[in-house]
């Protein structure tokens, strides 16, 4: 039933998102994981310790970050199965909190709206909410490209990957993925504080995102066949040519697919915290003068690809239920 849980959670979150009232009342699972990660970072990661000790403690912290929430989620799912079929729906509602289909589209569209209504200044403010790079270094095309890159990468990390692991291992799988992904975003950086301690989190996140990043690229390529003006051949060629050139083993796949489909050049050199990170371009030879129109074109591709993802889980659910019964 894990596939069915994943399908229902995608459908629920696509329609309703994560309610603002619930966010204000109890927060979000990511904030809960964040508190646990911050606590372990403070308690276990000391600048006076050797790198070897910090790496070992980083592994220990990762085990706690992943296994404790997953064990709780597994127990909750087992308890809910006692009231089947209502428990199935409740489990799906809980799993929907691990997805970000609605919020991702809203945040990226806000960047396009900001560029259209307030120009570069408001565009930089809007894009700073969804990317980690230095917004003051971005011109208008840079803001647009950053928003599109974030859309492609977060489609993989924030939607396809948690749905995939929920489909594989149920609620516990989705929770374990989200906890690990949050750990990577908080401590998986190559900084003096987290180079050693966050190594395990970064490597584990790379591993668990491998299947989703490839599936995301495929979904974007397929969506390009449906969206008017998109280039499916260009998307496929960009994935084959550029995806493995990206400094991330996973981000290059959805970014290359999006770049090729839109005829853009994404990624490339970027500035984080005043440090320029050299990276290959995705969509080599594409244009770099992106604008708000390109953001909206990317959103059309994303929405179609997201519907294809939901359809995929729906079909798998029907097939598996038929085979089971």
C-alpha atoms as a PDB file:
ATOM      1  CA  UNK A   1       0.000   0.000   0.000  1.00  0.00           C
ATOM      2  CA  UNK A   2       3.006   2.327   0.093  1.00  0.00           C
ATOM      3  CA  UNK A   3       2.496   3.235  -3.576  1.00  0.00           C
ATOM      4  CA  UNK A   4      -1.129   4.107  -2.848  1.00  0.00           C
ATOM      5  CA  UNK A   5      -0.079   6.252   0.114  1.00  0.00           C
ATOM      6  CA  UNK A   6       2.358   8.119  -2.129  1.00  0.00           C
ATOM      7  CA  UNK A   7      -0.325   8.683  -4.782  1.00  0.00           C
ATOM      8  CA  UNK A   8      -2.904   9.943  -2.277  1.00  0.00           C
ATOM      9  CA  UNK A   9      -0.377  12.197  -0.565  1.00  0.00           C
ATOM     10  CA  UNK A  10       0.572  13.770  -3.908  1.00  0.00           C
ATOM     11  CA  UNK A  11      -3.074  14.364  -4.806  1.00  0.00           C
ATOM     12  CA  UNK A  12      -3.899  15.819  -1.380  1.00  0.00           C
ATOM     13  CA  UNK A  13      -0.912  18.174  -1.253  1.00  0.00           C
ATOM     14  CA  UNK A  14      -1.370  19.252  -4.879  1.00  0.00           C
ATOM     15  CA  UNK A  15      -4.887  20.444  -4.051  1.00  0.00           C
ATOM     16  CA  UNK A  16      -4.568  21.745  -0.503  1.00  0.00           C
ATOM     17  CA  UNK A  17      -0.879  22.372   0.147  1.00  0.00           C
ATOM     18  CA  UNK A  18       0.172  22.712   3.781  1.00  0.00           C
ATOM     19  CA  UNK A  19      -2.474  24.844   5.554  1.00  0.00           C
ATOM     20  CA  UNK A  20      -1.207  28.174   6.920  1.00  0.00           C
ATOM     21  CA  UNK A  21      -3.211  27.709  10.107  1.00  0.00           C
ATOM     22  CA  UNK A  22      -1.528  24.389  10.766  1.00  0.00           C
ATOM     23  CA  UNK A  23       1.862  25.937  10.070  1.00  0.00           C
ATOM     24  CA  UNK A  24       1.210  28.671  12.628  1.00  0.00           C
ATOM     25  CA  UNK A  25      -0.170  26.234  15.191  1.00  0.00           C
ATOM     26  CA  UNK A  26       2.354  23.396  15.134  1.00  0.00           C
ATOM     27  CA  UNK A  27       5.006  24.297  12.588  1.00  0.00           C
ATOM     28  CA  UNK A  28       6.133  21.963   9.812  1.00  0.00           C
ATOM     29  CA  UNK A  29       7.994  18.623   9.832  1.00  0.00           C
ATOM     30  CA  UNK A  30      11.046  20.355   8.355  1.00  0.00           C
ATOM     31  CA  UNK A  31      11.149  22.756  11.323  1.00  0.00           C
ATOM     32  CA  UNK A  32      10.875  19.803  13.723  1.00  0.00           C
ATOM     33  CA  UNK A  33      13.761  18.046  12.013  1.00  0.00           C
ATOM     34  CA  UNK A  34      15.646  21.325  12.038  1.00  0.00           C
ATOM     35  CA  UNK A  35      15.409  21.616  15.819  1.00  0.00           C
ATOM     36  CA  UNK A  36      16.768  18.089  16.258  1.00  0.00           C
ATOM     37  CA  UNK A  37      19.612  18.756  13.810  1.00  0.00           C
ATOM     38  CA  UNK A  38      20.519  22.050  15.502  1.00  0.00           C
ATOM     39  CA  UNK A  39      20.538  20.353  18.916  1.00  0.00           C
ATOM     40  CA  UNK A  40      22.854  17.578  17.719  1.00  0.00           C
ATOM     41  CA  UNK A  41      25.080  20.089  15.929  1.00  0.00           C
ATOM     42  CA  UNK A  42      25.524  22.072  19.135  1.00  0.00           C
ATOM     43  CA  UNK A  43      26.099  19.021  21.333  1.00  0.00           C
ATOM     44  CA  UNK A  44      28.345  16.916  19.096  1.00  0.00           C
ATOM     45  CA  UNK A  45      30.175  19.291  16.757  1.00  0.00           C
ATOM     46  CA  UNK A  46      33.030  21.029  18.580  1.00  0.00           C
ATOM     47  CA  UNK A  47      35.745  23.073  16.881  1.00  0.00           C
ATOM     48  CA  UNK A  48      38.334  21.714  19.338  1.00  0.00           C
ATOM     49  CA  UNK A  49      37.755  18.094  18.243  1.00  0.00           C
ATOM     50  CA  UNK A  50      39.789  16.409  15.515  1.00  0.00           C
ATOM     51  CA  UNK A  51      38.305  16.011  12.036  1.00  0.00           C
ATOM     52  CA  UNK A  52      38.217  12.232  12.502  1.00  0.00           C
ATOM     53  CA  UNK A  53      36.143  12.582  15.675  1.00  0.00           C
ATOM     54  CA  UNK A  54      33.844  15.134  14.068  1.00  0.00           C
ATOM     55  CA  UNK A  55      33.275  12.821  11.080  1.00  0.00           C
ATOM     56  CA  UNK A  56      32.405   9.944  13.418  1.00  0.00           C
ATOM     57  CA  UNK A  57      30.034  12.105  15.412  1.00  0.00           C
ATOM     58  CA  UNK A  58      28.498  13.291  12.148  1.00  0.00           C
ATOM     59  CA  UNK A  59      27.657   9.676  11.315  1.00  0.00           C
ATOM     60  CA  UNK A  60      26.161   9.186  14.781  1.00  0.00           C
ATOM     61  CA  UNK A  61      24.109  12.363  14.416  1.00  0.00           C
ATOM     62  CA  UNK A  62      22.842  11.280  10.996  1.00  0.00           C
ATOM     63  CA  UNK A  63      21.690   7.932  12.384  1.00  0.00           C
ATOM     64  CA  UNK A  64      19.669   9.732  15.065  1.00  0.00           C
ATOM     65  CA  UNK A  65      18.298  12.287  12.585  1.00  0.00           C
ATOM     66  CA  UNK A  66      17.093   9.588  10.193  1.00  0.00           C
ATOM     67  CA  UNK A  67      16.171   6.636  12.405  1.00  0.00           C
ATOM     68  CA  UNK A  68      14.322   8.350  15.252  1.00  0.00           C
ATOM     69  CA  UNK A  69      11.742  10.160  13.054  1.00  0.00           C
ATOM     70  CA  UNK A  70      11.457   7.093  10.799  1.00  0.00           C
ATOM     71  CA  UNK A  71      10.775   4.813  13.786  1.00  0.00           C
ATOM     72  CA  UNK A  72       8.081   7.168  15.051  1.00  0.00           C
ATOM     73  CA  UNK A  73       6.512   7.352  11.587  1.00  0.00           C
ATOM     74  CA  UNK A  74       6.574   3.571  11.253  1.00  0.00           C
ATOM     75  CA  UNK A  75       4.844   3.150  14.625  1.00  0.00           C
ATOM     76  CA  UNK A  76       2.207   5.721  13.657  1.00  0.00           C
ATOM     77  CA  UNK A  77       1.514   3.955  10.371  1.00  0.00           C
ATOM     78  CA  UNK A  78       1.192   0.565  12.100  1.00  0.00           C
ATOM     79  CA  UNK A  79      -1.292   2.060  14.579  1.00  0.00           C
ATOM     80  CA  UNK A  80      -3.295   3.715  11.814  1.00  0.00           C
ATOM     81  CA  UNK A  81      -3.546   0.431   9.901  1.00  0.00           C
ATOM     82  CA  UNK A  82      -5.735  -0.793  12.769  1.00  0.00           C
ATOM     83  CA  UNK A  83      -8.518   1.506  11.538  1.00  0.00           C
ATOM     84  CA  UNK A  84      -8.251   0.683   7.819  1.00  0.00           C
ATOM     85  CA  UNK A  85      -9.409   2.193   5.471  1.00  0.00           C
ATOM     86  CA  UNK A  86      -9.605   5.500   7.410  1.00  0.00           C
ATOM     87  CA  UNK A  87      -6.051   4.924   8.581  1.00  0.00           C
ATOM     88  CA  UNK A  88      -4.872   4.837   4.962  1.00  0.00           C
ATOM     89  CA  UNK A  89      -6.283   8.295   4.340  1.00  0.00           C
ATOM     90  CA  UNK A  90      -4.828   9.685   7.575  1.00  0.00           C
ATOM     91  CA  UNK A  91      -1.430   8.228   6.693  1.00  0.00           C
ATOM     92  CA  UNK A  92      -1.627   9.863   3.267  1.00  0.00           C
ATOM     93  CA  UNK A  93      -2.529  13.203   4.847  1.00  0.00           C
ATOM     94  CA  UNK A  94       0.499  12.927   7.132  1.00  0.00           C
ATOM     95  CA  UNK A  95       2.718  11.998   4.182  1.00  0.00           C
ATOM     96  CA  UNK A  96       1.427  14.990   2.211  1.00  0.00           C
ATOM     97  CA  UNK A  97       3.202  17.274   4.698  1.00  0.00           C
ATOM     98  CA  UNK A  98       6.520  15.995   3.289  1.00  0.00           C
ATOM     99  CA  UNK A  99       5.744  17.397  -0.185  1.00  0.00           C
ATOM    100  CA  UNK A 100       5.932  20.941  -1.530  1.00  0.00           C
ATOM    101  CA  UNK A 101       4.128  20.984  -4.876  1.00  0.00           C
ATOM    102  CA  UNK A 102       1.931  23.992  -4.133  1.00  0.00           C
ATOM    103  CA  UNK A 103       4.413  26.061  -2.139  1.00  0.00           C
ATOM    104  CA  UNK A 104       7.200  25.536  -4.690  1.00  0.00           C
ATOM    105  CA  UNK A 105       5.042  26.848  -7.527  1.00  0.00           C
ATOM    106  CA  UNK A 106       3.826  29.764  -5.400  1.00  0.00           C
ATOM    107  CA  UNK A 107       7.351  30.836  -4.415  1.00  0.00           C
ATOM    108  CA  UNK A 108       8.720  30.605  -7.954  1.00  0.00           C
ATOM    109  CA  UNK A 109       5.738  32.426  -9.436  1.00  0.00           C
ATOM    110  CA  UNK A 110       6.277  35.160  -6.839  1.00  0.00           C
ATOM    111  CA  UNK A 111       9.701  35.804  -8.400  1.00  0.00           C
ATOM    112  CA  UNK A 112       8.140  36.271 -11.853  1.00  0.00           C
ATOM    113  CA  UNK A 113       5.492  38.580 -10.377  1.00  0.00           C
ATOM    114  CA  UNK A 114       8.167  40.573  -8.526  1.00  0.00           C
ATOM    115  CA  UNK A 115      10.227  41.058 -11.694  1.00  0.00           C
ATOM    116  CA  UNK A 116       7.136  42.179 -13.597  1.00  0.00           C
ATOM    117  CA  UNK A 117       5.869  44.623 -10.968  1.00  0.00           C
ATOM    118  CA  UNK A 118       8.932  45.763  -9.032  1.00  0.00           C
ATOM    119  CA  UNK A 119      11.884  45.104 -11.295  1.00  0.00           C
ATOM    120  CA  UNK A 120      15.278  43.918 -10.127  1.00  0.00           C
ATOM    121  CA  UNK A 121      15.008  45.054  -6.495  1.00  0.00           C
ATOM    122  CA  UNK A 122      11.840  43.116  -5.728  1.00  0.00           C
ATOM    123  CA  UNK A 123      13.027  40.226  -7.894  1.00  0.00           C
ATOM    124  CA  UNK A 124      16.154  39.864  -5.777  1.00  0.00           C
ATOM    125  CA  UNK A 125      14.085  39.888  -2.580  1.00  0.00           C
ATOM    126  CA  UNK A 126      11.699  37.234  -3.926  1.00  0.00           C
ATOM    127  CA  UNK A 127      14.425  34.929  -5.239  1.00  0.00           C
ATOM    128  CA  UNK A 128      16.412  35.188  -1.984  1.00  0.00           C
ATOM    129  CA  UNK A 129      13.591  33.204  -0.334  1.00  0.00           C
ATOM    130  CA  UNK A 130      14.240  30.148  -2.485  1.00  0.00           C
ATOM    131  CA  UNK A 131      17.981  30.161  -3.288  1.00  0.00           C
ATOM    132  CA  UNK A 132      21.139  30.298  -1.199  1.00  0.00           C
ATOM    133  CA  UNK A 133      23.275  32.342  -3.590  1.00  0.00           C
ATOM    134  CA  UNK A 134      24.038  36.048  -3.121  1.00  0.00           C
ATOM    135  CA  UNK A 135      21.006  37.921  -4.548  1.00  0.00           C
ATOM    136  CA  UNK A 136      22.855  41.265  -4.780  1.00  0.00           C
ATOM    137  CA  UNK A 137      25.168  39.679  -7.380  1.00  0.00           C
ATOM    138  CA  UNK A 138      22.266  38.865  -9.692  1.00  0.00           C
ATOM    139  CA  UNK A 139      20.997  40.940 -12.590  1.00  0.00           C
ATOM    140  CA  UNK A 140      17.477  40.419 -13.958  1.00  0.00           C
ATOM    141  CA  UNK A 141      18.418  37.419 -16.143  1.00  0.00           C
ATOM    142  CA  UNK A 142      20.363  36.008 -13.177  1.00  0.00           C
ATOM    143  CA  UNK A 143      17.304  36.277 -10.946  1.00  0.00           C
ATOM    144  CA  UNK A 144      15.175  34.515 -13.555  1.00  0.00           C
ATOM    145  CA  UNK A 145      17.726  31.738 -14.075  1.00  0.00           C
ATOM    146  CA  UNK A 146      18.091  31.251 -10.302  1.00  0.00           C
ATOM    147  CA  UNK A 147      14.321  30.852  -9.938  1.00  0.00           C
ATOM    148  CA  UNK A 148      14.174  28.312 -12.786  1.00  0.00           C
ATOM    149  CA  UNK A 149      17.132  26.346 -11.406  1.00  0.00           C
ATOM    150  CA  UNK A 150      15.497  26.271  -7.967  1.00  0.00           C
ATOM    151  CA  UNK A 151      12.232  25.077  -9.512  1.00  0.00           C
ATOM    152  CA  UNK A 152      13.975  22.212 -11.321  1.00  0.00           C
ATOM    153  CA  UNK A 153      16.122  21.120  -8.383  1.00  0.00           C
ATOM    154  CA  UNK A 154      13.359  21.414  -5.789  1.00  0.00           C
ATOM    155  CA  UNK A 155      10.959  19.490  -8.000  1.00  0.00           C
ATOM    156  CA  UNK A 156      13.371  16.613  -7.514  1.00  0.00           C
ATOM    157  CA  UNK A 157      14.310  17.163  -3.851  1.00  0.00           C
ATOM    158  CA  UNK A 158      10.998  18.458  -2.555  1.00  0.00           C
ATOM    159  CA  UNK A 159       8.473  16.400  -4.490  1.00  0.00           C
ATOM    160  CA  UNK A 160       9.729  13.469  -6.552  1.00  0.00           C
ATOM    161  CA  UNK A 161      12.211  12.176  -3.952  1.00  0.00           C
ATOM    162  CA  UNK A 162       9.875  12.167  -0.900  1.00  0.00           C
ATOM    163  CA  UNK A 163       7.110  10.658  -3.037  1.00  0.00           C
ATOM    164  CA  UNK A 164       9.517   8.009  -4.333  1.00  0.00           C
ATOM    165  CA  UNK A 165      10.714   6.986  -0.865  1.00  0.00           C
ATOM    166  CA  UNK A 166       7.161   7.050   0.490  1.00  0.00           C
ATOM    167  CA  UNK A 167       6.222   4.728  -2.358  1.00  0.00           C
ATOM    168  CA  UNK A 168       9.102   2.412  -1.469  1.00  0.00           C
ATOM    169  CA  UNK A 169       8.859   2.365   2.343  1.00  0.00           C
ATOM    170  CA  UNK A 170       5.605   4.075   3.300  1.00  0.00           C
ATOM    171  CA  UNK A 171       5.376   6.984   5.709  1.00  0.00           C
ATOM    172  CA  UNK A 172       8.645   5.955   7.393  1.00  0.00           C
ATOM    173  CA  UNK A 173      10.486   6.119   4.075  1.00  0.00           C
ATOM    174  CA  UNK A 174       9.200   9.590   3.288  1.00  0.00           C
ATOM    175  CA  UNK A 175      10.012  10.859   6.780  1.00  0.00           C
ATOM    176  CA  UNK A 176      13.510   9.355   6.706  1.00  0.00           C
ATOM    177  CA  UNK A 177      14.192  11.006   3.351  1.00  0.00           C
ATOM    178  CA  UNK A 178      12.928  14.407   4.465  1.00  0.00           C
ATOM    179  CA  UNK A 179      14.956  14.279   7.680  1.00  0.00           C
ATOM    180  CA  UNK A 180      18.122  13.369   5.774  1.00  0.00           C
ATOM    181  CA  UNK A 181      17.520  16.035   3.145  1.00  0.00           C
ATOM    182  CA  UNK A 182      16.983  18.662   5.848  1.00  0.00           C
ATOM    183  CA  UNK A 183      20.239  17.559   7.494  1.00  0.00           C
ATOM    184  CA  UNK A 184      22.085  18.049   4.216  1.00  0.00           C
ATOM    185  CA  UNK A 185      20.646  21.553   3.784  1.00  0.00           C
ATOM    186  CA  UNK A 186      21.677  22.522   7.333  1.00  0.00           C
ATOM    187  CA  UNK A 187      25.021  20.808   7.945  1.00  0.00           C
ATOM    188  CA  UNK A 188      26.059  19.303   4.604  1.00  0.00           C
ATOM    189  CA  UNK A 189      28.139  22.316   3.572  1.00  0.00           C
ATOM    190  CA  UNK A 190      31.879  22.511   2.948  1.00  0.00           C
ATOM    191  CA  UNK A 191      32.515  25.137   5.615  1.00  0.00           C
ATOM    192  CA  UNK A 192      35.066  25.041   8.462  1.00  0.00           C
ATOM    193  CA  UNK A 193      32.304  24.098  10.905  1.00  0.00           C
ATOM    194  CA  UNK A 194      30.608  21.408   8.825  1.00  0.00           C
ATOM    195  CA  UNK A 195      33.282  20.069   6.454  1.00  0.00           C
ATOM    196  CA  UNK A 196      33.877  17.049   8.703  1.00  0.00           C
ATOM    197  CA  UNK A 197      30.721  16.854  10.816  1.00  0.00           C
ATOM    198  CA  UNK A 198      28.335  17.228   7.857  1.00  0.00           C
ATOM    199  CA  UNK A 199      30.211  14.907   5.493  1.00  0.00           C
ATOM    200  CA  UNK A 200      27.990  11.907   6.209  1.00  0.00           C
ATOM    201  CA  UNK A 201      24.807  13.944   5.760  1.00  0.00           C
ATOM    202  CA  UNK A 202      25.998  15.322   2.417  1.00  0.00           C
ATOM    203  CA  UNK A 203      27.096  11.934   1.074  1.00  0.00           C
ATOM    204  CA  UNK A 204      23.926  10.191   2.227  1.00  0.00           C
ATOM    205  CA  UNK A 205      21.741  12.872   0.645  1.00  0.00           C
ATOM    206  CA  UNK A 206      23.605  12.454  -2.642  1.00  0.00           C
ATOM    207  CA  UNK A 207      22.918   8.712  -2.540  1.00  0.00           C
ATOM    208  CA  UNK A 208      19.213   8.836  -1.689  1.00  0.00           C
ATOM    209  CA  UNK A 209      18.522  11.460  -4.364  1.00  0.00           C
ATOM    210  CA  UNK A 210      20.017   9.425  -7.204  1.00  0.00           C
ATOM    211  CA  UNK A 211      16.806   7.708  -8.366  1.00  0.00           C
ATOM    212  CA  UNK A 212      14.572  10.774  -7.983  1.00  0.00           C
ATOM    213  CA  UNK A 213      16.878  13.111  -9.898  1.00  0.00           C
ATOM    214  CA  UNK A 214      16.898  10.771 -12.899  1.00  0.00           C
ATOM    215  CA  UNK A 215      13.126  10.296 -12.733  1.00  0.00           C
ATOM    216  CA  UNK A 216      12.631  14.072 -12.500  1.00  0.00           C
ATOM    217  CA  UNK A 217      14.689  14.629 -15.637  1.00  0.00           C
ATOM    218  CA  UNK A 218      12.601  12.041 -17.473  1.00  0.00           C
ATOM    219  CA  UNK A 219       9.358  13.670 -16.330  1.00  0.00           C
ATOM    220  CA  UNK A 220      10.532  17.077 -17.584  1.00  0.00           C
ATOM    221  CA  UNK A 221      11.543  15.589 -20.936  1.00  0.00           C
ATOM    222  CA  UNK A 222       8.108  13.956 -21.263  1.00  0.00           C
ATOM    223  CA  UNK A 223       6.388  17.175 -20.216  1.00  0.00           C
ATOM    224  CA  UNK A 224       8.251  18.984 -23.002  1.00  0.00           C
ATOM    225  CA  UNK A 225       6.334  16.837 -25.513  1.00  0.00           C
ATOM    226  CA  UNK A 226       3.089  18.260 -24.132  1.00  0.00           C
ATOM    227  CA  UNK A 227       3.892  21.911 -23.383  1.00  0.00           C
ATOM    228  CA  UNK A 228       3.641  24.116 -26.454  1.00  0.00           C
ATOM    229  CA  UNK A 229       6.959  25.735 -27.365  1.00  0.00           C
ATOM    230  CA  UNK A 230       9.090  23.384 -25.247  1.00  0.00           C
ATOM    231  CA  UNK A 231      11.813  21.309 -26.886  1.00  0.00           C
ATOM    232  CA  UNK A 232      11.810  17.637 -25.818  1.00  0.00           C
ATOM    233  CA  UNK A 233      14.732  16.786 -28.076  1.00  0.00           C
ATOM    234  CA  UNK A 234      16.758  19.642 -26.625  1.00  0.00           C
ATOM    235  CA  UNK A 235      15.853  18.518 -23.113  1.00  0.00           C
ATOM    236  CA  UNK A 236      17.000  14.959 -23.772  1.00  0.00           C
ATOM    237  CA  UNK A 237      20.223  16.070 -25.462  1.00  0.00           C
ATOM    238  CA  UNK A 238      21.024  18.464 -22.585  1.00  0.00           C
ATOM    239  CA  UNK A 239      20.531  15.684 -20.033  1.00  0.00           C
ATOM    240  CA  UNK A 240      22.799  13.310 -21.934  1.00  0.00           C
ATOM    241  CA  UNK A 241      25.452  15.957 -22.584  1.00  0.00           C
ATOM    242  CA  UNK A 242      25.456  18.152 -19.464  1.00  0.00           C
ATOM    243  CA  UNK A 243      23.871  16.448 -16.435  1.00  0.00           C
ATOM    244  CA  UNK A 244      27.046  14.672 -15.290  1.00  0.00           C
ATOM    245  CA  UNK A 245      29.109  17.868 -15.622  1.00  0.00           C
ATOM    246  CA  UNK A 246      27.285  19.525 -12.719  1.00  0.00           C
ATOM    247  CA  UNK A 247      29.189  19.719  -9.431  1.00  0.00           C
ATOM    248  CA  UNK A 248      26.225  17.956  -7.790  1.00  0.00           C
ATOM    249  CA  UNK A 249      25.663  14.303  -8.763  1.00  0.00           C
ATOM    250  CA  UNK A 250      21.924  14.964  -8.813  1.00  0.00           C
ATOM    251  CA  UNK A 251      21.030  18.625  -9.424  1.00  0.00           C
ATOM    252  CA  UNK A 252      22.373  18.542 -12.966  1.00  0.00           C
ATOM    253  CA  UNK A 253      19.719  16.094 -14.159  1.00  0.00           C
ATOM    254  CA  UNK A 254      16.557  18.175 -13.632  1.00  0.00           C
ATOM    255  CA  UNK A 255      18.415  21.436 -14.362  1.00  0.00           C
ATOM    256  CA  UNK A 256      19.774  20.126 -17.658  1.00  0.00           C
ATOM    257  CA  UNK A 257      16.352  18.829 -18.682  1.00  0.00           C
ATOM    258  CA  UNK A 258      14.735  22.177 -17.869  1.00  0.00           C
ATOM    259  CA  UNK A 259      17.494  24.128 -19.623  1.00  0.00           C
ATOM    260  CA  UNK A 260      17.256  22.059 -22.793  1.00  0.00           C
ATOM    261  CA  UNK A 261      13.469  22.167 -22.854  1.00  0.00           C
ATOM    262  CA  UNK A 262      13.449  25.973 -22.546  1.00  0.00           C
ATOM    263  CA  UNK A 263      16.518  26.675 -24.712  1.00  0.00           C
ATOM    264  CA  UNK A 264      18.366  28.299 -21.799  1.00  0.00           C
ATOM    265  CA  UNK A 265      21.794  28.010 -20.228  1.00  0.00           C
ATOM    266  CA  UNK A 266      21.383  27.336 -16.505  1.00  0.00           C
ATOM    267  CA  UNK A 267      23.848  26.808 -13.635  1.00  0.00           C
ATOM    268  CA  UNK A 268      27.385  27.983 -14.465  1.00  0.00           C
ATOM    269  CA  UNK A 269      29.468  30.118 -12.055  1.00  0.00           C
ATOM    270  CA  UNK A 270      27.516  31.404  -9.028  1.00  0.00           C
ATOM    271  CA  UNK A 271      28.304  33.335  -5.849  1.00  0.00           C
ATOM    272  CA  UNK A 272      27.531  31.923  -2.383  1.00  0.00           C
ATOM    273  CA  UNK A 273      28.500  33.946   0.673  1.00  0.00           C
ATOM    274  CA  UNK A 274      30.888  36.020  -1.387  1.00  0.00           C
ATOM    275  CA  UNK A 275      32.619  32.930  -2.812  1.00  0.00           C
ATOM    276  CA  UNK A 276      32.281  32.202  -6.524  1.00  0.00           C
ATOM    277  CA  UNK A 277      31.527  28.539  -7.213  1.00  0.00           C
ATOM    278  CA  UNK A 278      32.617  27.397 -10.642  1.00  0.00           C
ATOM    279  CA  UNK A 279      30.198  25.021 -12.313  1.00  0.00           C
ATOM    280  CA  UNK A 280      29.413  23.819 -15.805  1.00  0.00           C
ATOM    281  CA  UNK A 281      26.503  25.244 -17.754  1.00  0.00           C
ATOM    282  CA  UNK A 282      23.422  23.114 -18.214  1.00  0.00           C
ATOM    283  CA  UNK A 283      21.956  23.605 -21.666  1.00  0.00           C
ATOM    284  CA  UNK A 284      25.281  24.428 -23.234  1.00  0.00           C
ATOM    285  CA  UNK A 285      24.852  26.905 -26.045  1.00  0.00           C
ATOM    286  CA  UNK A 286      21.450  28.073 -24.783  1.00  0.00           C
ATOM    287  CA  UNK A 287      20.707  31.728 -24.170  1.00  0.00           C
ATOM    288  CA  UNK A 288      21.316  33.309 -20.748  1.00  0.00           C
ATOM    289  CA  UNK A 289      19.008  36.339 -21.086  1.00  0.00           C
ATOM    290  CA  UNK A 290      16.132  34.711 -19.188  1.00  0.00           C
ATOM    291  CA  UNK A 291      13.208  36.791 -17.941  1.00  0.00           C
ATOM    292  CA  UNK A 292       9.878  36.439 -16.138  1.00  0.00           C
ATOM    293  CA  UNK A 293       8.324  34.896 -19.250  1.00  0.00           C
ATOM    294  CA  UNK A 294      10.834  32.067 -19.062  1.00  0.00           C
ATOM    295  CA  UNK A 295       9.988  31.523 -15.385  1.00  0.00           C
ATOM    296  CA  UNK A 296       6.329  31.123 -16.343  1.00  0.00           C
ATOM    297  CA  UNK A 297       7.279  28.742 -19.162  1.00  0.00           C
ATOM    298  CA  UNK A 298       9.264  26.694 -16.651  1.00  0.00           C
ATOM    299  CA  UNK A 299       6.259  26.650 -14.330  1.00  0.00           C
ATOM    300  CA  UNK A 300       4.095  25.235 -17.143  1.00  0.00           C
ATOM    301  CA  UNK A 301       6.647  22.459 -17.664  1.00  0.00           C
ATOM    302  CA  UNK A 302       6.805  21.813 -13.929  1.00  0.00           C
ATOM    303  CA  UNK A 303       3.021  21.558 -13.544  1.00  0.00           C
ATOM    304  CA  UNK A 304       2.706  19.121 -16.448  1.00  0.00           C
ATOM    305  CA  UNK A 305       5.639  17.055 -15.148  1.00  0.00           C
ATOM    306  CA  UNK A 306       4.045  17.031 -11.706  1.00  0.00           C
ATOM    307  CA  UNK A 307       0.772  15.777 -13.158  1.00  0.00           C
ATOM    308  CA  UNK A 308       2.715  13.045 -14.953  1.00  0.00           C
ATOM    309  CA  UNK A 309       4.259  12.058 -11.614  1.00  0.00           C
ATOM    310  CA  UNK A 310       0.834  11.831  -9.985  1.00  0.00           C
ATOM    311  CA  UNK A 311      -0.466   9.823 -12.952  1.00  0.00           C
ATOM    312  CA  UNK A 312       2.498   7.448 -12.663  1.00  0.00           C
ATOM    313  CA  UNK A 313       1.725   6.691  -9.020  1.00  0.00           C
ATOM    314  CA  UNK A 314      -1.981   6.353  -9.834  1.00  0.00           C
ATOM    315  CA  UNK A 315      -1.259   3.769 -12.527  1.00  0.00           C
ATOM    316  CA  UNK A 316       1.142   1.864 -10.288  1.00  0.00           C
ATOM    317  CA  UNK A 317      -1.457   1.872  -7.498  1.00  0.00           C
ATOM    318  CA  UNK A 318      -4.143   0.430  -9.760  1.00  0.00           C
ATOM    319  CA  UNK A 319      -1.792  -2.238 -11.134  1.00  0.00           C
ATOM    320  CA  UNK A 320      -0.535  -3.308  -7.707  1.00  0.00           C
ATOM    321  CA  UNK A 321      -4.050  -3.400  -6.212  1.00  0.00           C
ATOM    322  CA  UNK A 322      -5.205  -5.505  -9.175  1.00  0.00           C
ATOM    323  CA  UNK A 323      -2.280  -7.919  -8.735  1.00  0.00           C
ATOM    324  CA  UNK A 324      -2.866  -8.121  -4.996  1.00  0.00           C
ATOM    325  CA  UNK A 325      -6.572  -8.809  -5.071  1.00  0.00           C
END
